Protein backbone atom coordinates (compact mmCIF):
# COMPACT_ATOMS: atom_id res chain seq x y z
CA UNK A 1 83.51 87.78 145.83
CA UNK A 2 83.92 86.80 142.29
CA UNK A 3 85.10 88.31 139.12
CA UNK A 4 82.62 87.54 136.87
CA UNK A 5 79.23 86.25 138.11
CA UNK A 6 76.31 84.27 137.11
CA UNK A 7 74.91 87.59 135.08
CA UNK A 8 77.89 87.97 132.80
CA UNK A 9 78.87 91.41 135.40
CA UNK A 10 82.74 92.22 136.08
CA UNK A 11 82.64 92.88 139.88
CA UNK A 12 79.13 92.60 140.21
CA UNK A 13 78.16 95.72 138.69
CA UNK A 14 79.29 95.95 134.49
CA UNK A 15 78.26 93.93 131.52
CA UNK A 16 81.01 92.17 129.98
CA UNK A 17 80.25 92.71 126.94
CA UNK A 18 79.42 96.34 127.44
CA UNK A 19 83.06 97.24 128.47
CA UNK A 20 84.08 95.22 126.10
CA UNK A 21 82.55 97.29 123.93
CA UNK A 22 83.40 100.37 125.79
CA UNK A 23 87.30 99.83 125.79
CA UNK A 24 86.89 99.35 121.74
CA UNK A 25 85.21 102.86 121.18
CA UNK A 26 87.92 104.41 123.34
CA UNK A 27 90.71 102.70 121.41
CA UNK A 28 88.66 103.74 118.13
CA UNK A 29 88.92 107.08 119.25
CA UNK A 30 92.62 107.68 120.33
CA UNK A 31 94.25 105.94 117.44
CA UNK A 32 91.49 108.22 115.56
CA UNK A 33 92.54 111.22 118.06
CA UNK A 34 96.20 110.69 117.11
CA UNK A 35 96.12 111.07 113.34
CA UNK A 36 93.94 114.05 114.18
CA UNK A 37 95.65 116.04 116.47
CA UNK A 38 99.32 114.54 114.71
CA UNK A 39 98.91 116.42 111.41
CA UNK A 40 97.12 119.47 113.21
CA UNK A 41 100.45 120.06 115.97
CA UNK A 42 102.53 123.74 115.35
CA UNK A 43 99.61 124.67 112.44
CA UNK A 44 100.04 121.13 110.63
CA UNK A 45 102.77 119.27 111.00
CA UNK A 46 105.72 118.74 113.07
CA UNK A 47 108.79 120.02 111.09
CA UNK A 48 108.99 124.42 109.96
CA UNK A 49 110.19 125.13 106.69
CA UNK A 50 111.50 128.43 105.56
CA UNK A 51 112.02 129.04 101.73
CA UNK A 52 112.56 131.24 99.55
CA UNK A 53 111.20 130.79 95.34
CA UNK A 54 112.10 133.61 92.88
CA UNK A 55 110.24 134.02 90.17
CA UNK A 56 111.53 135.56 87.01
CA UNK A 57 109.86 138.64 84.69
CA UNK A 58 106.59 139.05 86.61
CA UNK A 59 104.91 141.71 84.70
CA UNK A 60 104.82 145.24 86.63
CA UNK A 61 101.26 145.28 87.16
CA UNK A 62 101.69 142.30 88.87
CA UNK A 63 104.43 143.20 90.52
CA UNK A 64 102.40 146.93 91.80
CA UNK A 65 99.00 144.60 93.16
CA UNK A 66 101.08 142.05 94.94
CA UNK A 67 103.25 144.78 96.96
CA UNK A 68 99.96 146.45 97.97
CA UNK A 69 98.75 142.86 99.88
CA UNK A 70 99.26 143.28 103.07
CA UNK A 71 101.40 140.29 104.90
CA UNK A 72 101.05 137.27 105.78
CA UNK A 73 98.87 136.36 102.99
CA UNK A 74 98.13 132.31 103.63
CA UNK A 75 98.77 129.91 101.06
CA UNK A 76 96.34 127.29 98.96
CA UNK A 77 95.78 124.87 96.67
CA UNK A 78 92.95 123.49 95.04
CA UNK A 79 90.11 125.61 97.29
CA UNK A 80 91.72 125.10 100.45
CA UNK A 81 93.87 126.45 102.57
CA UNK A 82 97.49 124.93 103.90
CA UNK A 83 99.43 125.27 106.82
CA UNK A 84 102.07 128.34 104.94
CA UNK A 85 102.34 131.36 104.48
CA UNK A 86 104.22 134.30 102.67
CA UNK A 87 106.14 136.10 105.03
CA UNK A 88 107.75 137.99 102.70
CA UNK A 89 108.69 139.31 99.32
CA UNK A 90 112.04 142.01 97.54
CA UNK A 91 111.86 142.08 93.89
CA UNK A 92 115.27 143.59 91.43
CA UNK A 93 114.19 144.50 87.88
CA UNK A 94 114.52 141.86 85.66
CA UNK A 95 117.75 141.51 84.06
CA UNK A 96 116.71 138.83 81.42
CA UNK A 97 116.75 139.71 77.97
CA UNK A 98 113.99 139.31 75.79
CA UNK A 99 114.65 138.11 72.11
CA UNK A 100 112.53 140.35 69.36
CA UNK A 101 113.38 139.15 65.86
CA UNK A 102 112.70 141.86 63.13
CA UNK A 103 112.52 140.75 59.60
CA UNK A 104 116.10 142.30 57.65
CA UNK A 105 115.29 143.31 54.58
CA UNK A 106 117.66 141.47 52.62
CA UNK A 107 115.25 137.78 52.85
CA UNK A 108 117.14 136.60 56.42
CA UNK A 109 116.17 137.48 59.84
CA UNK A 110 117.95 138.72 61.73
CA UNK A 111 117.64 139.19 66.26
CA UNK A 112 118.04 141.63 68.27
CA UNK A 113 118.48 141.26 72.25
CA UNK A 114 117.19 143.79 74.77
CA UNK A 115 116.07 143.90 77.70
CA UNK A 116 112.19 144.41 79.26
CA UNK A 117 112.15 147.41 81.43
CA UNK A 118 108.73 146.03 83.07
CA UNK A 119 109.41 142.96 83.99
CA UNK A 120 110.58 141.81 87.93
CA UNK A 121 112.38 139.17 89.62
CA UNK A 122 109.93 138.97 92.55
CA UNK A 123 112.08 136.54 95.40
CA UNK A 124 108.77 135.43 98.12
CA UNK A 125 109.89 133.92 101.35
CA UNK A 126 107.31 131.57 102.92
CA UNK A 127 107.58 129.65 106.16
CA UNK A 128 105.71 125.84 106.44
CA UNK A 129 104.83 123.52 108.30
CA UNK A 130 105.10 119.95 107.48
CA UNK A 131 104.58 116.61 108.82
CA UNK A 132 106.48 114.31 107.21
CA UNK A 133 109.99 115.53 107.55
CA UNK A 134 111.05 112.87 104.71
CA UNK A 135 108.53 114.41 101.94
CA UNK A 136 108.76 117.64 102.71
CA UNK A 137 105.08 118.25 101.48
CA UNK A 138 102.76 121.22 100.87
CA UNK A 139 99.53 120.25 99.38
CA UNK A 140 100.68 118.68 96.16
CA UNK A 141 103.76 120.13 96.12
CA UNK A 142 107.37 119.10 97.70
CA UNK A 143 109.54 121.61 99.03
CA UNK A 144 112.92 120.66 97.71
CA UNK A 145 116.05 123.33 96.29
CA UNK A 146 115.62 123.54 92.11
CA UNK A 147 112.09 122.41 92.18
CA UNK A 148 109.64 124.63 90.23
CA UNK A 149 107.03 125.88 92.36
CA UNK A 150 104.09 127.75 92.46
CA UNK A 151 103.25 130.61 94.42
CA UNK A 152 99.22 130.15 95.13
CA UNK A 153 98.20 132.67 98.34
CA UNK A 154 94.45 133.95 98.56
CA UNK A 155 95.10 136.69 97.02
CA UNK A 156 97.54 136.28 94.22
CA UNK A 157 99.50 133.43 92.35
CA UNK A 158 102.59 133.09 90.05
CA UNK A 159 103.79 130.13 88.62
CA UNK A 160 106.57 129.33 87.06
CA UNK A 161 108.94 130.01 90.34
CA UNK A 162 112.12 128.13 91.38
CA UNK A 163 112.95 126.85 95.74
CA UNK A 164 116.52 128.70 96.35
CA UNK A 165 117.08 128.09 99.39
CA UNK A 166 114.77 125.84 102.14
CA UNK A 167 115.35 125.52 106.04
CA UNK A 168 114.00 122.99 108.25
CA UNK A 169 113.28 123.15 112.34
CA UNK A 170 111.75 120.96 114.20
CA UNK A 171 108.62 122.26 115.56
CA UNK A 172 108.31 122.08 119.74
């Protein structure tokens, strides 16, 4: 028995052209599937990051509203949900001084330093999964200690946070 007969069929059953097309489709499917599944493993990545972000001088009204939100709260960016969640929050009265300039009756300005009693420093604990553990990128933000960071969830958004700690572990 010939492998390819006079009609171009493999083992007398399968058309060689059909077989080649089927193999090409399978290869493309495996490649695309690998890319899609590779980005979605363990909620979107192969590395789990746990990091903290400190946001200073948050008004009392905003703090009280965020405090009522049920955690964990899903992170988002540009209208898309991200593979991360705010899993905890702590708050301290802000110790930062607010500088108030009061006019001096003798012609020059005088400065008075005072504490703003109605602001809080919030520290958020965030858990996220990233596919590229070199860039540690979540959405468009890189996760690195010392970088400014926007904490944006489905229910709140605070800018000018600073990442204060970050640990990484390979997701299994």
